[in-house]
């Protein structure tokens, strides 16, 4: 049962990656591209968490947490640059 749920999760993650890349490529504004990159980092965090569960190596969750924090700070920096400039 758990294997089926993990397979469904990976399929949903795959579709999320496809939609994120589509938005990154055809996004008409820079803000759309920033949101798409943020979406792809969130998806990467989900992949890291799933792989941590599969490998029973929960230290990877610390990596996902740090990656999420750095992603948040990066999006804040880009948003500030787009709003006012440095």
PDB file of N, CA and C in Angstrom:
ATOM      1  N   UNK A   1       0.814  -1.193   0.000  1.00  0.00           N
ATOM      2  CA  UNK A   1       0.000   0.000   0.000  1.00  0.00           C
ATOM      3  C   UNK A   1       0.859   1.259   0.000  1.00  0.00           C
ATOM      4  N   UNK A   2       1.920   1.240   0.822  1.00  0.00           N
ATOM      5  CA  UNK A   2       2.802   2.408   0.892  1.00  0.00           C
ATOM      6  C   UNK A   2       3.546   2.611  -0.419  1.00  0.00           C
ATOM      7  N   UNK A   3       3.856   1.511  -1.098  1.00  0.00           N
ATOM      8  CA  UNK A   3       4.553   1.630  -2.379  1.00  0.00           C
ATOM      9  C   UNK A   3       3.668   2.287  -3.429  1.00  0.00           C
ATOM     10  N   UNK A   4       2.392   2.006  -3.394  1.00  0.00           N
ATOM     11  CA  UNK A   4       1.461   2.621  -4.337  1.00  0.00           C
ATOM     12  C   UNK A   4       1.362   4.123  -4.080  1.00  0.00           C
ATOM     13  N   UNK A   5       1.311   4.493  -2.820  1.00  0.00           N
ATOM     14  CA  UNK A   5       1.237   5.906  -2.469  1.00  0.00           C
ATOM     15  C   UNK A   5       2.508   6.630  -2.895  1.00  0.00           C
ATOM     16  N   UNK A   6       3.662   6.002  -2.708  1.00  0.00           N
ATOM     17  CA  UNK A   6       4.920   6.616  -3.142  1.00  0.00           C
ATOM     18  C   UNK A   6       4.977   6.741  -4.658  1.00  0.00           C
ATOM     19  N   UNK A   7       4.476   5.749  -5.374  1.00  0.00           N
ATOM     20  CA  UNK A   7       4.438   5.831  -6.837  1.00  0.00           C
ATOM     21  C   UNK A   7       3.533   6.972  -7.299  1.00  0.00           C
ATOM     22  N   UNK A   8       2.386   7.113  -6.660  1.00  0.00           N
ATOM     23  CA  UNK A   8       1.485   8.211  -6.992  1.00  0.00           C
ATOM     24  C   UNK A   8       2.147   9.556  -6.698  1.00  0.00           C
ATOM     25  N   UNK A   9       2.870   9.629  -5.580  1.00  0.00           N
ATOM     26  CA  UNK A   9       3.560  10.873  -5.224  1.00  0.00           C
ATOM     27  C   UNK A   9       4.606  11.231  -6.269  1.00  0.00           C
ATOM     28  N   UNK A  10       5.364  10.237  -6.749  1.00  0.00           N
ATOM     29  CA  UNK A  10       6.374  10.525  -7.760  1.00  0.00           C
ATOM     30  C   UNK A  10       5.742  10.943  -9.089  1.00  0.00           C
ATOM     31  N   UNK A  11       4.616  10.367  -9.437  1.00  0.00           N
ATOM     32  CA  UNK A  11       3.928  10.780 -10.669  1.00  0.00           C
ATOM     33  C   UNK A  11       3.432  12.222 -10.545  1.00  0.00           C
ATOM     34  N   UNK A  12       2.861  12.565  -9.401  1.00  0.00           N
ATOM     35  CA  UNK A  12       2.401  13.933  -9.195  1.00  0.00           C
ATOM     36  C   UNK A  12       3.567  14.920  -9.190  1.00  0.00           C
ATOM     37  N   UNK A  13       4.679  14.518  -8.622  1.00  0.00           N
ATOM     38  CA  UNK A  13       5.863  15.372  -8.636  1.00  0.00           C
ATOM     39  C   UNK A  13       6.366  15.553 -10.059  1.00  0.00           C
ATOM     40  N   UNK A  14       6.321  14.497 -10.851  1.00  0.00           N
ATOM     41  CA  UNK A  14       6.748  14.609 -12.246  1.00  0.00           C
ATOM     42  C   UNK A  14       5.886  15.616 -13.001  1.00  0.00           C
ATOM     43  N   UNK A  15       4.570  15.536 -12.832  1.00  0.00           N
ATOM     44  CA  UNK A  15       3.687  16.488 -13.502  1.00  0.00           C
ATOM     45  C   UNK A  15       3.917  17.906 -12.992  1.00  0.00           C
ATOM     46  N   UNK A  16       4.207  18.046 -11.707  1.00  0.00           N
ATOM     47  CA  UNK A  16       4.506  19.376 -11.168  1.00  0.00           C
ATOM     48  C   UNK A  16       5.774  19.946 -11.788  1.00  0.00           C
ATOM     49  N   UNK A  17       6.774  19.102 -11.990  1.00  0.00           N
ATOM     50  CA  UNK A  17       8.009  19.550 -12.635  1.00  0.00           C
ATOM     51  C   UNK A  17       7.732  19.995 -14.063  1.00  0.00           C
ATOM     52  N   UNK A  18       6.934  19.222 -14.776  1.00  0.00           N
ATOM     53  CA  UNK A  18       6.607  19.579 -16.160  1.00  0.00           C
ATOM     54  C   UNK A  18       5.884  20.924 -16.211  1.00  0.00           C
ATOM     55  N   UNK A  19       4.881  21.122 -15.350  1.00  0.00           N
ATOM     56  CA  UNK A  19       4.140  22.380 -15.345  1.00  0.00           C
ATOM     57  C   UNK A  19       5.021  23.551 -14.909  1.00  0.00           C
ATOM     58  N   UNK A  20       5.920  23.296 -13.966  1.00  0.00           N
ATOM     59  CA  UNK A  20       6.835  24.358 -13.535  1.00  0.00           C
ATOM     60  C   UNK A  20       7.784  24.776 -14.642  1.00  0.00           C
ATOM     61  N   UNK A  21       8.291  23.805 -15.393  1.00  0.00           N
ATOM     62  CA  UNK A  21       9.192  24.131 -16.501  1.00  0.00           C
ATOM     63  C   UNK A  21       8.442  24.857 -17.609  1.00  0.00           C
ATOM     64  N   UNK A  22       7.204  24.452 -17.867  1.00  0.00           N
ATOM     65  CA  UNK A  22       6.396  25.147 -18.869  1.00  0.00           C
ATOM     66  C   UNK A  22       6.188  26.600 -18.458  1.00  0.00           C
ATOM     67  N   UNK A  23       5.872  26.845 -17.197  1.00  0.00           N
ATOM     68  CA  UNK A  23       5.668  28.218 -16.728  1.00  0.00           C
ATOM     69  C   UNK A  23       6.990  28.990 -16.777  1.00  0.00           C
ATOM     70  N   UNK A  24       8.091  28.326 -16.516  1.00  0.00           N
ATOM     71  CA  UNK A  24       9.398  28.980 -16.577  1.00  0.00           C
ATOM     72  C   UNK A  24       9.736  29.401 -18.000  1.00  0.00           C
ATOM     73  N   UNK A  25       9.387  28.573 -18.962  1.00  0.00           N
ATOM     74  CA  UNK A  25       9.724  28.869 -20.356  1.00  0.00           C
ATOM     75  C   UNK A  25       8.793  29.909 -20.959  1.00  0.00           C
ATOM     76  N   UNK A  26       7.485  29.761 -20.750  1.00  0.00           N
ATOM     77  CA  UNK A  26       6.549  30.659 -21.425  1.00  0.00           C
ATOM     78  C   UNK A  26       6.033  31.783 -20.541  1.00  0.00           C
ATOM     79  N   UNK A  27       6.564  31.890 -19.330  1.00  0.00           N
ATOM     80  CA  UNK A  27       6.080  32.942 -18.440  1.00  0.00           C
ATOM     81  C   UNK A  27       6.259  34.314 -19.055  1.00  0.00           C
ATOM     82  N   UNK A  28       5.185  35.069 -19.225  1.00  0.00           N
ATOM     83  CA  UNK A  28       5.309  36.349 -19.923  1.00  0.00           C
ATOM     84  C   UNK A  28       6.054  37.414 -19.114  1.00  0.00           C
ATOM     85  N   UNK A  29       6.051  37.297 -17.811  1.00  0.00           N
ATOM     86  CA  UNK A  29       6.703  38.303 -16.979  1.00  0.00           C
ATOM     87  C   UNK A  29       7.826  37.663 -16.176  1.00  0.00           C
ATOM     88  N   UNK A  30       8.704  38.515 -15.699  1.00  0.00           N
ATOM     89  CA  UNK A  30       9.807  38.030 -14.871  1.00  0.00           C
ATOM     90  C   UNK A  30       9.289  37.439 -13.562  1.00  0.00           C
ATOM     91  N   UNK A  31       8.230  38.015 -13.041  1.00  0.00           N
ATOM     92  CA  UNK A  31       7.658  37.517 -11.787  1.00  0.00           C
ATOM     93  C   UNK A  31       7.160  36.083 -11.959  1.00  0.00           C
ATOM     94  N   UNK A  32       6.578  35.774 -13.110  1.00  0.00           N
ATOM     95  CA  UNK A  32       6.128  34.403 -13.374  1.00  0.00           C
ATOM     96  C   UNK A  32       7.299  33.436 -13.369  1.00  0.00           C
ATOM     97  N   UNK A  33       8.412  33.853 -13.918  1.00  0.00           N
ATOM     98  CA  UNK A  33       9.598  32.990 -13.939  1.00  0.00           C
ATOM     99  C   UNK A  33      10.159  32.792 -12.534  1.00  0.00           C
ATOM    100  N   UNK A  34      10.131  33.823 -11.707  1.00  0.00           N
ATOM    101  CA  UNK A  34      10.602  33.702 -10.323  1.00  0.00           C
ATOM    102  C   UNK A  34       9.710  32.740  -9.547  1.00  0.00           C
ATOM    103  N   UNK A  35       8.416  32.850  -9.748  1.00  0.00           N
ATOM    104  CA  UNK A  35       7.481  31.937  -9.074  1.00  0.00           C
ATOM    105  C   UNK A  35       7.702  30.504  -9.554  1.00  0.00           C
ATOM    106  N   UNK A  36       7.988  30.332 -10.846  1.00  0.00           N
ATOM    107  CA  UNK A  36       8.244  28.985 -11.371  1.00  0.00           C
ATOM    108  C   UNK A  36       9.518  28.399 -10.773  1.00  0.00           C
ATOM    109  N   UNK A  37      10.547  29.212 -10.622  1.00  0.00           N
ATOM    110  CA  UNK A  37      11.777  28.719 -10.000  1.00  0.00           C
ATOM    111  C   UNK A  37      11.529  28.360  -8.545  1.00  0.00           C
ATOM    112  N   UNK A  38      10.733  29.172  -7.848  1.00  0.00           N
ATOM    113  CA  UNK A  38      10.391  28.853  -6.461  1.00  0.00           C
ATOM    114  C   UNK A  38       9.593  27.555  -6.385  1.00  0.00           C
ATOM    115  N   UNK A  39       8.686  27.361  -7.329  1.00  0.00           N
ATOM    116  CA  UNK A  39       7.935  26.107  -7.392  1.00  0.00           C
ATOM    117  C   UNK A  39       8.863  24.919  -7.588  1.00  0.00           C
ATOM    118  N   UNK A  40       9.842  25.059  -8.465  1.00  0.00           N
ATOM    119  CA  UNK A  40      10.765  23.953  -8.717  1.00  0.00           C
ATOM    120  C   UNK A  40      11.641  23.659  -7.497  1.00  0.00           C
ATOM    121  N   UNK A  41      11.984  24.682  -6.721  1.00  0.00           N
ATOM    122  CA  UNK A  41      12.740  24.406  -5.497  1.00  0.00           C
ATOM    123  C   UNK A  41      11.874  23.706  -4.458  1.00  0.00           C
ATOM    124  N   UNK A  42      10.607  24.065  -4.389  1.00  0.00           N
ATOM    125  CA  UNK A  42       9.701  23.379  -3.464  1.00  0.00           C
ATOM    126  C   UNK A  42       9.530  21.913  -3.877  1.00  0.00           C
ATOM    127  N   UNK A  43       9.455  21.685  -5.177  1.00  0.00           N
ATOM    128  CA  UNK A  43       9.360  20.310  -5.665  1.00  0.00           C
ATOM    129  C   UNK A  43      10.640  19.534  -5.330  1.00  0.00           C
ATOM    130  N   UNK A  44      11.780  20.192  -5.465  1.00  0.00           N
ATOM    131  CA  UNK A  44      13.045  19.533  -5.117  1.00  0.00           C
ATOM    132  C   UNK A  44      13.077  19.181  -3.635  1.00  0.00           C
ATOM    133  N   UNK A  45      12.530  20.038  -2.793  1.00  0.00           N
ATOM    134  CA  UNK A  45      12.455  19.737  -1.362  1.00  0.00           C
ATOM    135  C   UNK A  45      11.566  18.526  -1.120  1.00  0.00           C
ATOM    136  N   UNK A  46      10.466  18.440  -1.848  1.00  0.00           N
ATOM    137  CA  UNK A  46       9.581  17.280  -1.709  1.00  0.00           C
ATOM    138  C   UNK A  46      10.282  16.003  -2.164  1.00  0.00           C
ATOM    139  N   UNK A  47      11.053  16.093  -3.233  1.00  0.00           N
ATOM    140  CA  UNK A  47      11.800  14.917  -3.711  1.00  0.00           C
ATOM    141  C   UNK A  47      12.836  14.492  -2.676  1.00  0.00           C
ATOM    142  N   UNK A  48      13.534  15.450  -2.093  1.00  0.00           N
ATOM    143  CA  UNK A  48      14.521  15.126  -1.057  1.00  0.00           C
ATOM    144  C   UNK A  48      13.839  14.446   0.130  1.00  0.00           C
ATOM    145  N   UNK A  49      12.679  14.947   0.521  1.00  0.00           N
ATOM    146  CA  UNK A  49      11.958  14.346   1.655  1.00  0.00           C
ATOM    147  C   UNK A  49      11.494  12.928   1.328  1.00  0.00           C
ATOM    148  N   UNK A  50      11.009  12.706   0.108  1.00  0.00           N
ATOM    149  CA  UNK A  50      10.589  11.355  -0.276  1.00  0.00           C
ATOM    150  C   UNK A  50      11.774  10.397  -0.341  1.00  0.00           C
ATOM    151  N   UNK A  51      12.881  10.872  -0.874  1.00  0.00           N
ATOM    152  CA  UNK A  51      14.065  10.011  -0.933  1.00  0.00           C
ATOM    153  C   UNK A  51      14.625   9.723   0.460  1.00  0.00           C
ATOM    154  N   UNK A  52      14.496  10.676   1.363  1.00  0.00           N
ATOM    155  CA  UNK A  52      14.907  10.434   2.746  1.00  0.00           C
ATOM    156  C   UNK A  52      14.047   9.346   3.374  1.00  0.00           C
ATOM    157  N   UNK A  53      12.771   9.363   3.063  1.00  0.00           N
ATOM    158  CA  UNK A  53      11.882   8.337   3.604  1.00  0.00           C
ATOM    159  C   UNK A  53      12.188   6.966   2.999  1.00  0.00           C
ATOM    160  N   UNK A  54      12.427   6.944   1.699  1.00  0.00           N
ATOM    161  CA  UNK A  54      12.698   5.668   1.035  1.00  0.00           C
ATOM    162  C   UNK A  54      14.017   5.070   1.512  1.00  0.00           C
ATOM    163  N   UNK A  55      15.039   5.917   1.671  1.00  0.00           N
ATOM    164  CA  UNK A  55      16.366   5.433   2.059  1.00  0.00           C
ATOM    165  C   UNK A  55      16.528   5.278   3.569  1.00  0.00           C
ATOM    166  N   UNK A  56      15.518   5.671   4.329  1.00  0.00           N
ATOM    167  CA  UNK A  56      15.591   5.656   5.795  1.00  0.00           C
ATOM    168  C   UNK A  56      16.800   6.425   6.312  1.00  0.00           C
ATOM    169  N   UNK A  57      17.114   7.532   5.635  1.00  0.00           N
ATOM    170  CA  UNK A  57      18.201   8.432   6.023  1.00  0.00           C
ATOM    171  C   UNK A  57      17.576   9.794   6.306  1.00  0.00           C
ATOM    172  N   UNK A  58      17.150   9.991   7.529  1.00  0.00           N
ATOM    173  CA  UNK A  58      16.400  11.192   7.862  1.00  0.00           C
ATOM    174  C   UNK A  58      17.293  12.411   8.041  1.00  0.00           C
ATOM    175  N   UNK A  59      18.592  12.244   7.894  1.00  0.00           N
ATOM    176  CA  UNK A  59      19.494  13.388   7.897  1.00  0.00           C
ATOM    177  C   UNK A  59      19.268  14.243   6.657  1.00  0.00           C
ATOM    178  N   UNK A  60      18.715  13.629   5.599  1.00  0.00           N
ATOM    179  CA  UNK A  60      18.421  14.369   4.379  1.00  0.00           C
ATOM    180  C   UNK A  60      17.337  15.421   4.609  1.00  0.00           C
ATOM    181  N   UNK A  61      16.532  15.234   5.625  1.00  0.00           N
ATOM    182  CA  UNK A  61      15.512  16.233   5.934  1.00  0.00           C
ATOM    183  C   UNK A  61      16.143  17.537   6.387  1.00  0.00           C
ATOM    184  N   UNK A  62      17.304  17.446   7.033  1.00  0.00           N
ATOM    185  CA  UNK A  62      18.034  18.661   7.384  1.00  0.00           C
ATOM    186  C   UNK A  62      18.503  19.392   6.130  1.00  0.00           C
ATOM    187  N   UNK A  63      18.929  18.621   5.142  1.00  0.00           N
ATOM    188  CA  UNK A  63      19.331  19.222   3.870  1.00  0.00           C
ATOM    189  C   UNK A  63      18.138  19.918   3.221  1.00  0.00           C
ATOM    190  N   UNK A  64      16.990  19.290   3.247  1.00  0.00           N
ATOM    191  CA  UNK A  64      15.787  19.885   2.666  1.00  0.00           C
ATOM    192  C   UNK A  64      15.398  21.163   3.410  1.00  0.00           C
ATOM    193  N   UNK A  65      15.552  21.165   4.715  1.00  0.00           N
ATOM    194  CA  UNK A  65      15.226  22.345   5.505  1.00  0.00           C
ATOM    195  C   UNK A  65      16.150  23.511   5.167  1.00  0.00           C
ATOM    196  N   UNK A  66      17.435  23.250   5.072  1.00  0.00           N
ATOM    197  CA  UNK A  66      18.391  24.299   4.714  1.00  0.00           C
ATOM    198  C   UNK A  66      18.137  24.791   3.298  1.00  0.00           C
ATOM    199  N   UNK A  67      17.836  23.877   2.395  1.00  0.00           N
ATOM    200  CA  UNK A  67      17.549  24.253   1.011  1.00  0.00           C
ATOM    201  C   UNK A  67      16.304  25.133   0.931  1.00  0.00           C
ATOM    202  N   UNK A  68      15.304  24.822   1.724  1.00  0.00           N
ATOM    203  CA  UNK A  68      14.097  25.644   1.769  1.00  0.00           C
ATOM    204  C   UNK A  68      14.377  27.035   2.316  1.00  0.00           C
ATOM    205  N   UNK A  69      15.216  27.121   3.331  1.00  0.00           N
ATOM    206  CA  UNK A  69      15.565  28.418   3.893  1.00  0.00           C
ATOM    207  C   UNK A  69      16.340  29.260   2.882  1.00  0.00           C
ATOM    208  N   UNK A  70      17.294  28.652   2.203  1.00  0.00           N
ATOM    209  CA  UNK A  70      18.062  29.378   1.188  1.00  0.00           C
ATOM    210  C   UNK A  70      17.178  29.789   0.013  1.00  0.00           C
ATOM    211  N   UNK A  71      16.238  28.954  -0.344  1.00  0.00           N
ATOM    212  CA  UNK A  71      15.311  29.292  -1.418  1.00  0.00           C
ATOM    213  C   UNK A  71      14.451  30.486  -1.024  1.00  0.00           C
ATOM    214  N   UNK A  72      13.980  30.485   0.197  1.00  0.00           N
ATOM    215  CA  UNK A  72      13.169  31.606   0.680  1.00  0.00           C
ATOM    216  C   UNK A  72      13.961  32.903   0.644  1.00  0.00           C
ATOM    217  N   UNK A  73      15.196  32.866   1.118  1.00  0.00           N
ATOM    218  CA  UNK A  73      16.017  34.068   1.111  1.00  0.00           C
ATOM    219  C   UNK A  73      16.334  34.522  -0.311  1.00  0.00           C
ATOM    220  N   UNK A  74      16.536  33.573  -1.211  1.00  0.00           N
ATOM    221  CA  UNK A  74      16.789  33.924  -2.605  1.00  0.00           C
ATOM    222  C   UNK A  74      15.593  34.594  -3.252  1.00  0.00           C
ATOM    223  N   UNK A  75      14.403  34.086  -2.978  1.00  0.00           N
ATOM    224  CA  UNK A  75      13.195  34.696  -3.546  1.00  0.00           C
ATOM    225  C   UNK A  75      12.990  36.091  -2.963  1.00  0.00           C
ATOM    226  N   UNK A  76      13.288  36.275  -1.694  1.00  0.00           N
ATOM    227  CA  UNK A  76      13.188  37.613  -1.111  1.00  0.00           C
ATOM    228  C   UNK A  76      14.160  38.581  -1.771  1.00  0.00           C
ATOM    229  N   UNK A  77      15.370  38.125  -2.029  1.00  0.00           N
ATOM    230  CA  UNK A  77      16.361  38.985  -2.676  1.00  0.00           C
ATOM    231  C   UNK A  77      15.932  39.359  -4.091  1.00  0.00           C
ATOM    232  N   UNK A  78      15.421  38.399  -4.834  1.00  0.00           N
ATOM    233  CA  UNK A  78      14.970  38.683  -6.201  1.00  0.00           C
ATOM    234  C   UNK A  78      13.763  39.610  -6.181  1.00  0.00           C
ATOM    235  N   UNK A  79      12.855  39.412  -5.252  1.00  0.00           N
ATOM    236  CA  UNK A  79      11.680  40.280  -5.155  1.00  0.00           C
ATOM    237  C   UNK A  79      12.080  41.711  -4.822  1.00  0.00           C
ATOM    238  N   UNK A  80      13.035  41.849  -3.941  1.00  0.00           N
ATOM    239  CA  UNK A  80      13.496  43.196  -3.613  1.00  0.00           C
ATOM    240  C   UNK A  80      14.185  43.841  -4.804  1.00  0.00           C
ATOM    241  N   UNK A  81      14.966  43.071  -5.525  1.00  0.00           N
ATOM    242  CA  UNK A  81      15.637  43.602  -6.717  1.00  0.00           C
ATOM    243  C   UNK A  81      14.619  44.029  -7.774  1.00  0.00           C
ATOM    244  N   UNK A  82      13.596  43.218  -7.981  1.00  0.00           N
ATOM    245  CA  UNK A  82      12.592  43.551  -8.985  1.00  0.00           C
ATOM    246  C   UNK A  82      11.746  44.763  -8.570  1.00  0.00           C
ATOM    247  N   UNK A  83      11.577  44.935  -7.278  1.00  0.00           N
ATOM    248  CA  UNK A  83      10.756  46.052  -6.813  1.00  0.00           C
ATOM    249  C   UNK A  83      11.506  47.373  -6.836  1.00  0.00           C
ATOM    250  N   UNK A  84      12.717  47.397  -6.288  1.00  0.00           N
ATOM    251  CA  UNK A  84      13.441  48.652  -6.148  1.00  0.00           C
ATOM    252  C   UNK A  84      14.828  48.622  -6.774  1.00  0.00           C
ATOM    253  N   UNK A  85      15.399  47.481  -6.896  1.00  0.00           N
ATOM    254  CA  UNK A  85      16.816  47.393  -7.241  1.00  0.00           C
ATOM    255  C   UNK A  85      17.632  47.370  -5.964  1.00  0.00           C
ATOM    256  N   UNK A  86      18.902  47.036  -6.090  1.00  0.00           N
ATOM    257  CA  UNK A  86      19.739  46.936  -4.894  1.00  0.00           C
ATOM    258  C   UNK A  86      20.169  48.274  -4.457  1.00  0.00           C
TER     259      UNK A  86
END
